[in-house]
Amino acid sequence: MNVCGKVLKNLPGVFIDPNYKYSIRAYRFISNRTKGLDVKEAEKILKVFELDKLRFITRQNDKYFVGKKMKKKNPT
């Protein structure tokens, strides 16, 4: 698992979807539903751990961490 995946996996209540090869899908369960990480939290992770080759895609139910050069909108 890469640095980003290890960082996310160690955050309280964060789940990583193991079915993704080229991106990392991260989310929490809130009231029996998935919820994406907060934008500020994701920005802080990228900054603190110097993950400058990554970006994130925000959706209500989850957040995807992908390479900056990745063109796909919904990575798997």
PDB file of N, CA and C in Angstrom:
ATOM      1  N   MET A   1       0.857  -1.184   0.000  1.00  0.00           N
ATOM      2  CA  MET A   1       0.000   0.000   0.000  1.00  0.00           C
ATOM      3  C   MET A   1       0.896   1.239   0.000  1.00  0.00           C
ATOM      4  N   ASN A   2       0.503   2.256  -0.754  1.00  0.00           N
ATOM      5  CA  ASN A   2       1.315   3.463  -0.849  1.00  0.00           C
ATOM      6  C   ASN A   2       1.155   4.354   0.385  1.00  0.00           C
ATOM      7  N   VAL A   3       1.919   5.429   0.438  1.00  0.00           N
ATOM      8  CA  VAL A   3       1.910   6.338   1.595  1.00  0.00           C
ATOM      9  C   VAL A   3       0.515   6.889   1.848  1.00  0.00           C
ATOM     10  N   CYS A   4      -0.143   7.361   0.804  1.00  0.00           N
ATOM     11  CA  CYS A   4      -1.478   7.933   0.966  1.00  0.00           C
ATOM     12  C   CYS A   4      -2.436   6.908   1.566  1.00  0.00           C
ATOM     13  N   GLY A   5      -2.415   5.696   1.058  1.00  0.00           N
ATOM     14  CA  GLY A   5      -3.279   4.643   1.577  1.00  0.00           C
ATOM     15  C   GLY A   5      -3.012   4.343   3.037  1.00  0.00           C
ATOM     16  N   LYS A   6      -1.745   4.309   3.424  1.00  0.00           N
ATOM     17  CA  LYS A   6      -1.389   4.052   4.823  1.00  0.00           C
ATOM     18  C   LYS A   6      -1.873   5.175   5.732  1.00  0.00           C
ATOM     19  N   VAL A   7      -1.710   6.409   5.284  1.00  0.00           N
ATOM     20  CA  VAL A   7      -2.161   7.561   6.074  1.00  0.00           C
ATOM     21  C   VAL A   7      -3.672   7.504   6.258  1.00  0.00           C
ATOM     22  N   LEU A   8      -4.388   7.294   5.170  1.00  0.00           N
ATOM     23  CA  LEU A   8      -5.846   7.257   5.234  1.00  0.00           C
ATOM     24  C   LEU A   8      -6.347   6.114   6.101  1.00  0.00           C
ATOM     25  N   LYS A   9      -5.721   4.956   5.976  1.00  0.00           N
ATOM     26  CA  LYS A   9      -6.139   3.780   6.743  1.00  0.00           C
ATOM     27  C   LYS A   9      -5.984   3.998   8.252  1.00  0.00           C
ATOM     28  N   ASN A  10      -5.043   4.853   8.631  1.00  0.00           N
ATOM     29  CA  ASN A  10      -4.798   5.106  10.050  1.00  0.00           C
ATOM     30  C   ASN A  10      -5.625   6.248  10.630  1.00  0.00           C
ATOM     31  N   LEU A  11      -6.429   6.909   9.816  1.00  0.00           N
ATOM     32  CA  LEU A  11      -7.297   7.962  10.330  1.00  0.00           C
ATOM     33  C   LEU A  11      -8.495   7.334  11.024  1.00  0.00           C
ATOM     34  N   PRO A  12      -8.958   7.925  12.115  1.00  0.00           N
ATOM     35  CA  PRO A  12     -10.089   7.358  12.851  1.00  0.00           C
ATOM     36  C   PRO A  12     -11.347   7.240  11.982  1.00  0.00           C
ATOM     37  N   GLY A  13     -11.885   6.040  11.920  1.00  0.00           N
ATOM     38  CA  GLY A  13     -13.144   5.804  11.243  1.00  0.00           C
ATOM     39  C   GLY A  13     -13.102   5.810   9.732  1.00  0.00           C
ATOM     40  N   VAL A  14     -11.921   5.880   9.138  1.00  0.00           N
ATOM     41  CA  VAL A  14     -11.817   5.927   7.676  1.00  0.00           C
ATOM     42  C   VAL A  14     -11.677   4.515   7.119  1.00  0.00           C
ATOM     43  N   PHE A  15     -12.430   4.253   6.068  1.00  0.00           N
ATOM     44  CA  PHE A  15     -12.372   2.977   5.379  1.00  0.00           C
ATOM     45  C   PHE A  15     -11.821   3.193   3.975  1.00  0.00           C
ATOM     46  N   ILE A  16     -11.063   2.229   3.499  1.00  0.00           N
ATOM     47  CA  ILE A  16     -10.477   2.251   2.168  1.00  0.00           C
ATOM     48  C   ILE A  16     -11.090   1.090   1.388  1.00  0.00           C
ATOM     49  N   ASP A  17     -11.582   1.363   0.200  1.00  0.00           N
ATOM     50  CA  ASP A  17     -12.160   0.319  -0.640  1.00  0.00           C
ATOM     51  C   ASP A  17     -11.021  -0.467  -1.302  1.00  0.00           C
ATOM     52  N   PRO A  18     -10.875  -1.759  -0.998  1.00  0.00           N
ATOM     53  CA  PRO A  18      -9.763  -2.546  -1.534  1.00  0.00           C
ATOM     54  C   PRO A  18      -9.904  -2.906  -3.018  1.00  0.00           C
ATOM     55  N   ASN A  19     -11.030  -2.605  -3.621  1.00  0.00           N
ATOM     56  CA  ASN A  19     -11.275  -2.975  -5.012  1.00  0.00           C
ATOM     57  C   ASN A  19     -10.720  -1.982  -6.031  1.00  0.00           C
ATOM     58  N   TYR A  20     -10.093  -0.921  -5.571  1.00  0.00           N
ATOM     59  CA  TYR A  20      -9.570   0.097  -6.480  1.00  0.00           C
ATOM     60  C   TYR A  20      -8.070  -0.086  -6.659  1.00  0.00           C
ATOM     61  N   LYS A  21      -7.606  -0.152  -7.912  1.00  0.00           N
ATOM     62  CA  LYS A  21      -6.188  -0.357  -8.209  1.00  0.00           C
ATOM     63  C   LYS A  21      -5.445   0.940  -8.499  1.00  0.00           C
ATOM     64  N   TYR A  22      -6.084   1.864  -9.195  1.00  0.00           N
ATOM     65  CA  TYR A  22      -5.403   3.055  -9.691  1.00  0.00           C
ATOM     66  C   TYR A  22      -5.776   4.327  -8.934  1.00  0.00           C
ATOM     67  N   SER A  23      -6.572   4.171  -7.909  1.00  0.00           N
ATOM     68  CA  SER A  23      -6.967   5.295  -7.063  1.00  0.00           C
ATOM     69  C   SER A  23      -7.277   4.734  -5.681  1.00  0.00           C
ATOM     70  N   ILE A  24      -7.522   5.629  -4.758  1.00  0.00           N
ATOM     71  CA  ILE A  24      -7.900   5.214  -3.408  1.00  0.00           C
ATOM     72  C   ILE A  24      -9.253   5.831  -3.102  1.00  0.00           C
ATOM     73  N   ARG A  25     -10.225   4.998  -2.825  1.00  0.00           N
ATOM     74  CA  ARG A  25     -11.558   5.467  -2.440  1.00  0.00           C
ATOM     75  C   ARG A  25     -11.615   5.420  -0.916  1.00  0.00           C
ATOM     76  N   ALA A  26     -11.814   6.586  -0.307  1.00  0.00           N
ATOM     77  CA  ALA A  26     -11.839   6.687   1.152  1.00  0.00           C
ATOM     78  C   ALA A  26     -13.171   7.276   1.605  1.00  0.00           C
ATOM     79  N   TYR A  27     -13.680   6.768   2.725  1.00  0.00           N
ATOM     80  CA  TYR A  27     -14.968   7.237   3.237  1.00  0.00           C
ATOM     81  C   TYR A  27     -15.108   6.851   4.707  1.00  0.00           C
ATOM     82  N   ARG A  28     -16.116   7.421   5.336  1.00  0.00           N
ATOM     83  CA  ARG A  28     -16.503   7.058   6.700  1.00  0.00           C
ATOM     84  C   ARG A  28     -17.969   6.638   6.672  1.00  0.00           C
ATOM     85  N   PHE A  29     -18.378   5.885   7.676  1.00  0.00           N
ATOM     86  CA  PHE A  29     -19.790   5.556   7.834  1.00  0.00           C
ATOM     87  C   PHE A  29     -20.384   6.521   8.844  1.00  0.00           C
ATOM     88  N   ILE A  30     -21.424   7.233   8.417  1.00  0.00           N
ATOM     89  CA  ILE A  30     -22.148   8.151   9.300  1.00  0.00           C
ATOM     90  C   ILE A  30     -23.633   7.814   9.152  1.00  0.00           C
ATOM     91  N   SER A  31     -24.261   7.453  10.248  1.00  0.00           N
ATOM     92  CA  SER A  31     -25.690   7.087  10.226  1.00  0.00           C
ATOM     93  C   SER A  31     -25.982   6.028   9.161  1.00  0.00           C
ATOM     94  N   ASN A  32     -25.162   4.983   9.145  1.00  0.00           N
ATOM     95  CA  ASN A  32     -25.330   3.843   8.223  1.00  0.00           C
ATOM     96  C   ASN A  32     -25.201   4.199   6.748  1.00  0.00           C
ATOM     97  N   ARG A  33     -24.552   5.307   6.443  1.00  0.00           N
ATOM     98  CA  ARG A  33     -24.303   5.705   5.050  1.00  0.00           C
ATOM     99  C   ARG A  33     -22.840   6.087   4.926  1.00  0.00           C
ATOM    100  N   THR A  34     -22.316   5.993   3.719  1.00  0.00           N
ATOM    101  CA  THR A  34     -20.938   6.435   3.530  1.00  0.00           C
ATOM    102  C   THR A  34     -20.917   7.948   3.333  1.00  0.00           C
ATOM    103  N   LYS A  35     -19.843   8.553   3.806  1.00  0.00           N
ATOM    104  CA  LYS A  35     -19.654   9.997   3.669  1.00  0.00           C
ATOM    105  C   LYS A  35     -18.191  10.238   3.351  1.00  0.00           C
ATOM    106  N   GLY A  36     -17.944  11.084   2.368  1.00  0.00           N
ATOM    107  CA  GLY A  36     -16.582  11.420   1.991  1.00  0.00           C
ATOM    108  C   GLY A  36     -15.874  12.228   3.060  1.00  0.00           C
ATOM    109  N   LEU A  37     -14.568  12.193   3.054  1.00  0.00           N
ATOM    110  CA  LEU A  37     -13.787  12.995   3.978  1.00  0.00           C
ATOM    111  C   LEU A  37     -14.005  14.472   3.673  1.00  0.00           C
ATOM    112  N   ASP A  38     -13.809  15.305   4.670  1.00  0.00           N
ATOM    113  CA  ASP A  38     -13.932  16.747   4.501  1.00  0.00           C
ATOM    114  C   ASP A  38     -12.829  17.252   3.565  1.00  0.00           C
ATOM    115  N   VAL A  39     -13.146  18.248   2.757  1.00  0.00           N
ATOM    116  CA  VAL A  39     -12.170  18.802   1.804  1.00  0.00           C
ATOM    117  C   VAL A  39     -10.930  19.303   2.529  1.00  0.00           C
ATOM    118  N   LYS A  40     -11.104  20.015   3.622  1.00  0.00           N
ATOM    119  CA  LYS A  40      -9.948  20.549   4.370  1.00  0.00           C
ATOM    120  C   LYS A  40      -9.079  19.424   4.917  1.00  0.00           C
ATOM    121  N   GLU A  41      -9.708  18.350   5.353  1.00  0.00           N
ATOM    122  CA  GLU A  41      -8.966  17.186   5.846  1.00  0.00           C
ATOM    123  C   GLU A  41      -8.131  16.572   4.718  1.00  0.00           C
ATOM    124  N   ALA A  42      -8.721  16.422   3.544  1.00  0.00           N
ATOM    125  CA  ALA A  42      -8.004  15.855   2.394  1.00  0.00           C
ATOM    126  C   ALA A  42      -6.857  16.770   1.973  1.00  0.00           C
ATOM    127  N   GLU A  43      -7.093  18.072   1.936  1.00  0.00           N
ATOM    128  CA  GLU A  43      -6.033  19.027   1.584  1.00  0.00           C
ATOM    129  C   GLU A  43      -4.874  18.943   2.573  1.00  0.00           C
ATOM    130  N   LYS A  44      -5.198  18.821   3.850  1.00  0.00           N
ATOM    131  CA  LYS A  44      -4.161  18.736   4.882  1.00  0.00           C
ATOM    132  C   LYS A  44      -3.324  17.465   4.718  1.00  0.00           C
ATOM    133  N   ILE A  45      -3.959  16.359   4.406  1.00  0.00           N
ATOM    134  CA  ILE A  45      -3.240  15.093   4.200  1.00  0.00           C
ATOM    135  C   ILE A  45      -2.232  15.246   3.068  1.00  0.00           C
ATOM    136  N   LEU A  46      -2.671  15.808   1.952  1.00  0.00           N
ATOM    137  CA  LEU A  46      -1.772  15.976   0.809  1.00  0.00           C
ATOM    138  C   LEU A  46      -0.613  16.909   1.149  1.00  0.00           C
ATOM    139  N   LYS A  47      -0.890  17.951   1.908  1.00  0.00           N
ATOM    140  CA  LYS A  47       0.154  18.923   2.256  1.00  0.00           C
ATOM    141  C   LYS A  47       1.132  18.365   3.293  1.00  0.00           C
ATOM    142  N   VAL A  48       0.614  17.855   4.385  1.00  0.00           N
ATOM    143  CA  VAL A  48       1.467  17.383   5.486  1.00  0.00           C
ATOM    144  C   VAL A  48       2.376  16.240   5.048  1.00  0.00           C
ATOM    145  N   PHE A  49       1.854  15.337   4.235  1.00  0.00           N
ATOM    146  CA  PHE A  49       2.637  14.178   3.820  1.00  0.00           C
ATOM    147  C   PHE A  49       3.305  14.374   2.458  1.00  0.00           C
ATOM    148  N   GLU A  50       3.283  15.626   1.983  1.00  0.00           N
ATOM    149  CA  GLU A  50       3.964  16.016   0.739  1.00  0.00           C
ATOM    150  C   GLU A  50       3.595  15.104  -0.427  1.00  0.00           C
ATOM    151  N   LEU A  51       2.310  14.884  -0.558  1.00  0.00           N
ATOM    152  CA  LEU A  51       1.795  14.037  -1.636  1.00  0.00           C
ATOM    153  C   LEU A  51       1.435  14.928  -2.822  1.00  0.00           C
ATOM    154  N   ASP A  52       2.425  15.629  -3.340  1.00  0.00           N
ATOM    155  CA  ASP A  52       2.199  16.636  -4.371  1.00  0.00           C
ATOM    156  C   ASP A  52       1.909  16.062  -5.757  1.00  0.00           C
ATOM    157  N   LYS A  53       2.017  14.759  -5.915  1.00  0.00           N
ATOM    158  CA  LYS A  53       1.683  14.141  -7.205  1.00  0.00           C
ATOM    159  C   LYS A  53       0.250  13.615  -7.219  1.00  0.00           C
ATOM    160  N   LEU A  54      -0.466  13.882  -6.122  1.00  0.00           N
ATOM    161  CA  LEU A  54      -1.848  13.419  -6.009  1.00  0.00           C
ATOM    162  C   LEU A  54      -2.815  14.592  -5.956  1.00  0.00           C
ATOM    163  N   ARG A  55      -4.042  14.297  -6.289  1.00  0.00           N
ATOM    164  CA  ARG A  55      -5.153  15.226  -6.118  1.00  0.00           C
ATOM    165  C   ARG A  55      -6.325  14.392  -5.631  1.00  0.00           C
ATOM    166  N   PHE A  56      -7.420  15.037  -5.296  1.00  0.00           N
ATOM    167  CA  PHE A  56      -8.581  14.267  -4.884  1.00  0.00           C
ATOM    168  C   PHE A  56      -9.812  14.711  -5.645  1.00  0.00           C
ATOM    169  N   ILE A  57     -10.736  13.790  -5.781  1.00  0.00           N
ATOM    170  CA  ILE A  57     -12.024  14.040  -6.402  1.00  0.00           C
ATOM    171  C   ILE A  57     -13.061  13.918  -5.301  1.00  0.00           C
ATOM    172  N   THR A  58     -13.855  14.950  -5.155  1.00  0.00           N
ATOM    173  CA  THR A  58     -14.833  14.985  -4.073  1.00  0.00           C
ATOM    174  C   THR A  58     -16.212  14.583  -4.563  1.00  0.00           C
ATOM    175  N   ARG A  59     -16.781  13.661  -3.837  1.00  0.00           N
ATOM    176  CA  ARG A  59     -18.184  13.304  -4.017  1.00  0.00           C
ATOM    177  C   ARG A  59     -18.797  13.287  -2.621  1.00  0.00           C
ATOM    178  N   GLN A  60     -20.095  13.365  -2.544  1.00  0.00           N
ATOM    179  CA  GLN A  60     -20.755  13.409  -1.244  1.00  0.00           C
ATOM    180  C   GLN A  60     -20.483  12.147  -0.431  1.00  0.00           C
ATOM    181  N   ASN A  61     -20.529  10.990  -1.096  1.00  0.00           N
ATOM    182  CA  ASN A  61     -20.429   9.714  -0.380  1.00  0.00           C
ATOM    183  C   ASN A  61     -19.012   9.192  -0.201  1.00  0.00           C
ATOM    184  N   ASP A  62     -18.047   9.792  -0.883  1.00  0.00           N
ATOM    185  CA  ASP A  62     -16.674   9.310  -0.776  1.00  0.00           C
ATOM    186  C   ASP A  62     -15.715  10.336  -1.361  1.00  0.00           C
ATOM    187  N   LYS A  63     -14.449  10.033  -1.249  1.00  0.00           N
ATOM    188  CA  LYS A  63     -13.411  10.890  -1.807  1.00  0.00           C
ATOM    189  C   LYS A  63     -12.409   9.970  -2.470  1.00  0.00           C
ATOM    190  N   TYR A  64     -11.965  10.340  -3.683  1.00  0.00           N
ATOM    191  CA  TYR A  64     -10.983   9.564  -4.423  1.00  0.00           C
ATOM    192  C   TYR A  64      -9.658  10.311  -4.443  1.00  0.00           C
ATOM    193  N   PHE A  65      -8.598   9.625  -4.123  1.00  0.00           N
ATOM    194  CA  PHE A  65      -7.251  10.173  -4.241  1.00  0.00           C
ATOM    195  C   PHE A  65      -6.639   9.547  -5.485  1.00  0.00           C
ATOM    196  N   VAL A  66      -6.234  10.392  -6.419  1.00  0.00           N
ATOM    197  CA  VAL A  66      -5.737   9.931  -7.718  1.00  0.00           C
ATOM    198  C   VAL A  66      -4.480  10.705  -8.099  1.00  0.00           C
ATOM    199  N   GLY A  67      -3.761  10.196  -9.070  1.00  0.00           N
ATOM    200  CA  GLY A  67      -2.605  10.909  -9.600  1.00  0.00           C
ATOM    201  C   GLY A  67      -3.062  12.181 -10.304  1.00  0.00           C
ATOM    202  N   LYS A  68      -2.279  13.234 -10.226  1.00  0.00           N
ATOM    203  CA  LYS A  68      -2.642  14.499 -10.851  1.00  0.00           C
ATOM    204  C   LYS A  68      -2.854  14.371 -12.349  1.00  0.00           C
ATOM    205  N   LYS A  69      -2.158  13.445 -12.983  1.00  0.00           N
ATOM    206  CA  LYS A  69      -2.256  13.298 -14.436  1.00  0.00           C
ATOM    207  C   LYS A  69      -3.426  12.422 -14.868  1.00  0.00           C
ATOM    208  N   MET A  70      -4.093  11.792 -13.929  1.00  0.00           N
ATOM    209  CA  MET A  70      -5.208  10.923 -14.268  1.00  0.00           C
ATOM    210  C   MET A  70      -6.362  11.755 -14.826  1.00  0.00           C
ATOM    211  N   LYS A  71      -6.893  11.352 -15.951  1.00  0.00           N
ATOM    212  CA  LYS A  71      -7.917  12.139 -16.634  1.00  0.00           C
ATOM    213  C   LYS A  71      -9.338  11.679 -16.317  1.00  0.00           C
ATOM    214  N   LYS A  72      -9.483  10.463 -15.863  1.00  0.00           N
ATOM    215  CA  LYS A  72     -10.799   9.915 -15.582  1.00  0.00           C
ATOM    216  C   LYS A  72     -11.494  10.668 -14.455  1.00  0.00           C
ATOM    217  N   LYS A  73     -12.795  10.873 -14.580  1.00  0.00           N
ATOM    218  CA  LYS A  73     -13.543  11.556 -13.524  1.00  0.00           C
ATOM    219  C   LYS A  73     -13.937  10.614 -12.416  1.00  0.00           C
ATOM    220  N   ASN A  74     -14.232   9.361 -12.734  1.00  0.00           N
ATOM    221  CA  ASN A  74     -14.638   8.376 -11.734  1.00  0.00           C
ATOM    222  C   ASN A  74     -13.666   7.204 -11.770  1.00  0.00           C
ATOM    223  N   PRO A  75     -12.539   7.328 -11.079  1.00  0.00           N
ATOM    224  CA  PRO A  75     -11.494   6.309 -11.147  1.00  0.00           C
ATOM    225  C   PRO A  75     -11.885   5.013 -10.452  1.00  0.00           C
ATOM    226  N   THR A  76     -11.332   3.911 -10.975  1.00  0.00           N
ATOM    227  CA  THR A  76     -11.511   2.607 -10.306  1.00  0.00           C
ATOM    228  C   THR A  76     -10.174   1.946 -10.136  1.00  0.00           C
TER     229      THR A  76
END
